[in-house]
Amino acid sequence: MAHPAPHLAADDDLSLLRFTEDLGMASLDFVELIVSMKTHYRIQIPDSGLQEVHTVQDFVVCLKKNRQISWLNLNFYFQ
C-alpha cells in the first residue's frame, strides 16, 4: 500500500493535513472516522458541526467542542 501523503516530511505539522486533499480520504472514509470517534469517545457530533471540518486540527477542535465525558483531553495533540 502506498503512503497516503508521500510529500510530507517527518517534521511537517500534521494538524494542518486536509482529509481529502492530503490524506486521500473519500467521503465514506470520513463518515467511518466520525462514526468510530463518536462510538469510541461516546460523543454526539451534529452534522452541522462537521461542515467546517477539513483538517486534522478542525476535527480535534470539533471533538473538543462536542465531548460529553470529562476524561477526554485532546490538548496534547496541539501543544
N, C-alpha and C. Protein backbone atom coordinates (compact mmCIF):
# COMPACT_ATOMS: atom_id res chain seq x y z
N MET A 1 0.84 -1.18 0.00
CA MET A 1 0.00 0.00 0.00
C MET A 1 0.88 1.24 0.00
N ALA A 2 0.57 2.20 -0.81
CA ALA A 2 1.33 3.43 -0.90
C ALA A 2 1.06 4.33 0.29
N HIS A 3 2.06 5.11 0.67
CA HIS A 3 1.89 6.09 1.74
C HIS A 3 0.84 7.09 1.30
N PRO A 4 -0.15 7.42 2.19
CA PRO A 4 -1.24 8.31 1.78
C PRO A 4 -0.79 9.73 1.48
N ALA A 5 0.33 10.16 2.03
CA ALA A 5 0.81 11.51 1.78
C ALA A 5 2.33 11.49 1.65
N PRO A 6 2.84 10.96 0.54
CA PRO A 6 4.29 10.79 0.39
C PRO A 6 5.06 12.10 0.34
N HIS A 7 4.37 13.22 0.10
CA HIS A 7 5.04 14.51 0.00
C HIS A 7 5.34 15.13 1.36
N LEU A 8 4.96 14.47 2.46
CA LEU A 8 5.16 15.01 3.79
C LEU A 8 6.50 14.60 4.37
N ALA A 9 7.09 15.52 5.09
CA ALA A 9 8.32 15.22 5.83
C ALA A 9 7.96 14.87 7.26
N ALA A 10 8.86 14.22 7.95
CA ALA A 10 8.61 13.78 9.32
C ALA A 10 8.33 14.95 10.26
N ASP A 11 8.86 16.13 9.97
CA ASP A 11 8.66 17.27 10.86
C ASP A 11 7.55 18.21 10.41
N ASP A 12 6.75 17.82 9.42
CA ASP A 12 5.62 18.64 8.99
C ASP A 12 4.55 18.69 10.08
N ASP A 13 3.80 19.78 10.11
CA ASP A 13 2.71 19.94 11.08
C ASP A 13 1.52 19.12 10.60
N LEU A 14 1.31 17.97 11.23
CA LEU A 14 0.26 17.06 10.80
C LEU A 14 -1.13 17.59 11.10
N SER A 15 -1.25 18.53 12.01
CA SER A 15 -2.56 19.08 12.34
C SER A 15 -3.17 19.84 11.17
N LEU A 16 -2.34 20.26 10.24
CA LEU A 16 -2.83 21.03 9.10
C LEU A 16 -3.20 20.17 7.89
N LEU A 17 -3.02 18.86 8.01
CA LEU A 17 -3.37 17.97 6.90
C LEU A 17 -4.86 18.02 6.63
N ARG A 18 -5.19 18.09 5.34
CA ARG A 18 -6.59 18.07 4.92
C ARG A 18 -6.97 16.63 4.62
N PHE A 19 -8.14 16.23 5.08
CA PHE A 19 -8.57 14.84 4.93
C PHE A 19 -8.64 14.40 3.47
N THR A 20 -9.25 15.19 2.64
CA THR A 20 -9.44 14.81 1.24
C THR A 20 -8.18 15.02 0.41
N GLU A 21 -7.66 16.24 0.43
CA GLU A 21 -6.55 16.59 -0.45
C GLU A 21 -5.23 15.96 -0.05
N ASP A 22 -4.92 15.96 1.25
CA ASP A 22 -3.61 15.48 1.70
C ASP A 22 -3.61 14.00 2.09
N LEU A 23 -4.71 13.54 2.68
CA LEU A 23 -4.76 12.15 3.15
C LEU A 23 -5.50 11.24 2.19
N GLY A 24 -6.13 11.80 1.18
CA GLY A 24 -6.81 10.99 0.18
C GLY A 24 -8.06 10.29 0.68
N MET A 25 -8.69 10.84 1.70
CA MET A 25 -9.89 10.21 2.25
C MET A 25 -11.10 10.52 1.36
N ALA A 26 -11.84 9.49 1.05
CA ALA A 26 -13.12 9.68 0.36
C ALA A 26 -14.16 10.06 1.41
N SER A 27 -15.29 10.56 0.98
CA SER A 27 -16.31 10.99 1.93
C SER A 27 -16.78 9.83 2.81
N LEU A 28 -16.84 8.63 2.27
CA LEU A 28 -17.24 7.47 3.07
C LEU A 28 -16.20 7.17 4.15
N ASP A 29 -14.92 7.34 3.82
CA ASP A 29 -13.86 7.15 4.82
C ASP A 29 -14.03 8.14 5.98
N PHE A 30 -14.37 9.37 5.64
CA PHE A 30 -14.56 10.40 6.65
C PHE A 30 -15.75 10.06 7.54
N VAL A 31 -16.83 9.59 6.95
CA VAL A 31 -18.02 9.18 7.72
C VAL A 31 -17.65 8.04 8.67
N GLU A 32 -16.87 7.08 8.20
CA GLU A 32 -16.44 5.97 9.05
C GLU A 32 -15.59 6.46 10.21
N LEU A 33 -14.74 7.44 9.95
CA LEU A 33 -13.92 8.03 11.01
C LEU A 33 -14.81 8.68 12.06
N ILE A 34 -15.79 9.44 11.62
CA ILE A 34 -16.71 10.12 12.53
C ILE A 34 -17.47 9.11 13.38
N VAL A 35 -18.01 8.10 12.75
CA VAL A 35 -18.77 7.08 13.48
C VAL A 35 -17.88 6.39 14.52
N SER A 36 -16.67 6.08 14.14
CA SER A 36 -15.74 5.43 15.07
C SER A 36 -15.43 6.32 16.27
N MET A 37 -15.19 7.59 16.02
CA MET A 37 -14.88 8.51 17.10
C MET A 37 -16.08 8.73 18.01
N LYS A 38 -17.26 8.84 17.41
CA LYS A 38 -18.48 9.00 18.21
C LYS A 38 -18.68 7.81 19.14
N THR A 39 -18.46 6.64 18.61
CA THR A 39 -18.64 5.41 19.40
C THR A 39 -17.56 5.28 20.47
N HIS A 40 -16.32 5.47 20.07
CA HIS A 40 -15.20 5.28 21.00
C HIS A 40 -15.26 6.27 22.16
N TYR A 41 -15.49 7.54 21.87
CA TYR A 41 -15.47 8.57 22.90
C TYR A 41 -16.85 8.91 23.45
N ARG A 42 -17.87 8.21 22.97
CA ARG A 42 -19.25 8.42 23.43
C ARG A 42 -19.65 9.88 23.34
N ILE A 43 -19.50 10.45 22.17
CA ILE A 43 -19.88 11.84 21.96
C ILE A 43 -20.89 11.94 20.84
N GLN A 44 -21.62 13.03 20.85
CA GLN A 44 -22.55 13.33 19.77
C GLN A 44 -22.00 14.52 19.00
N ILE A 45 -21.91 14.37 17.70
CA ILE A 45 -21.45 15.47 16.84
C ILE A 45 -22.55 15.74 15.84
N PRO A 46 -23.17 16.91 15.92
CA PRO A 46 -24.21 17.22 14.94
C PRO A 46 -23.63 17.37 13.54
N ASP A 47 -24.41 17.01 12.54
CA ASP A 47 -23.94 17.13 11.15
C ASP A 47 -23.49 18.56 10.84
N SER A 48 -24.18 19.53 11.43
CA SER A 48 -23.81 20.93 11.17
C SER A 48 -22.40 21.23 11.69
N GLY A 49 -21.95 20.52 12.72
CA GLY A 49 -20.61 20.73 13.25
C GLY A 49 -19.53 20.15 12.37
N LEU A 50 -19.90 19.28 11.47
CA LEU A 50 -18.91 18.63 10.60
C LEU A 50 -18.70 19.37 9.29
N GLN A 51 -19.54 20.31 8.98
CA GLN A 51 -19.44 21.02 7.70
C GLN A 51 -18.16 21.84 7.58
N GLU A 52 -17.63 22.27 8.71
CA GLU A 52 -16.42 23.09 8.69
C GLU A 52 -15.16 22.29 8.98
N VAL A 53 -15.26 20.98 9.03
CA VAL A 53 -14.10 20.14 9.33
C VAL A 53 -13.41 19.76 8.02
N HIS A 54 -12.19 20.29 7.85
CA HIS A 54 -11.41 19.99 6.64
C HIS A 54 -10.02 19.46 6.96
N THR A 55 -9.51 19.84 8.14
CA THR A 55 -8.16 19.43 8.53
C THR A 55 -8.21 18.59 9.81
N VAL A 56 -7.09 17.96 10.13
CA VAL A 56 -7.00 17.19 11.37
C VAL A 56 -7.26 18.11 12.56
N GLN A 57 -6.71 19.30 12.53
CA GLN A 57 -6.92 20.25 13.62
C GLN A 57 -8.40 20.62 13.74
N ASP A 58 -9.08 20.86 12.62
CA ASP A 58 -10.52 21.15 12.65
C ASP A 58 -11.27 20.01 13.34
N PHE A 59 -10.86 18.79 13.04
CA PHE A 59 -11.52 17.61 13.59
C PHE A 59 -11.34 17.54 15.10
N VAL A 60 -10.12 17.80 15.57
CA VAL A 60 -9.86 17.77 17.01
C VAL A 60 -10.65 18.87 17.71
N VAL A 61 -10.70 20.05 17.13
CA VAL A 61 -11.49 21.15 17.70
C VAL A 61 -12.96 20.74 17.79
N CYS A 62 -13.47 20.13 16.75
CA CYS A 62 -14.86 19.66 16.73
C CYS A 62 -15.09 18.64 17.84
N LEU A 63 -14.17 17.70 18.02
CA LEU A 63 -14.29 16.70 19.08
C LEU A 63 -14.32 17.38 20.45
N LYS A 64 -13.44 18.33 20.64
CA LYS A 64 -13.36 19.01 21.93
C LYS A 64 -14.64 19.79 22.22
N LYS A 65 -15.22 20.39 21.22
CA LYS A 65 -16.46 21.15 21.40
C LYS A 65 -17.64 20.24 21.75
N ASN A 66 -17.60 19.03 21.28
CA ASN A 66 -18.73 18.13 21.42
C ASN A 66 -18.53 17.00 22.43
N ARG A 67 -17.45 17.03 23.12
CA ARG A 67 -17.20 15.94 24.07
C ARG A 67 -18.22 15.99 25.22
N GLN A 68 -18.55 14.82 25.68
CA GLN A 68 -19.53 14.73 26.77
C GLN A 68 -18.95 14.01 27.98
N ILE A 69 -17.70 13.64 27.91
CA ILE A 69 -17.08 12.97 29.05
C ILE A 69 -15.83 13.73 29.44
N SER A 70 -15.64 13.93 30.71
CA SER A 70 -14.60 14.82 31.18
C SER A 70 -13.18 14.29 30.98
N TRP A 71 -12.99 12.99 30.90
CA TRP A 71 -11.63 12.47 30.81
C TRP A 71 -11.04 12.56 29.41
N LEU A 72 -11.84 12.94 28.42
CA LEU A 72 -11.30 13.08 27.07
C LEU A 72 -10.52 14.39 26.99
N ASN A 73 -9.21 14.31 26.86
CA ASN A 73 -8.39 15.50 26.79
C ASN A 73 -7.50 15.39 25.56
N LEU A 74 -7.78 16.22 24.57
CA LEU A 74 -7.03 16.16 23.32
C LEU A 74 -5.99 17.26 23.21
N ASN A 75 -5.75 17.99 24.30
CA ASN A 75 -4.82 19.10 24.24
C ASN A 75 -3.40 18.66 23.87
N PHE A 76 -3.02 17.45 24.22
CA PHE A 76 -1.65 17.01 23.95
C PHE A 76 -1.34 16.91 22.46
N TYR A 77 -2.37 16.89 21.60
CA TYR A 77 -2.11 16.83 20.17
C TYR A 77 -1.57 18.14 19.61
N PHE A 78 -1.92 19.25 20.23
CA PHE A 78 -1.55 20.56 19.68
C PHE A 78 -0.96 21.44 20.77
N GLN A 79 0.20 21.07 21.23
CA GLN A 79 0.87 21.87 22.26
C GLN A 79 1.77 22.89 21.63
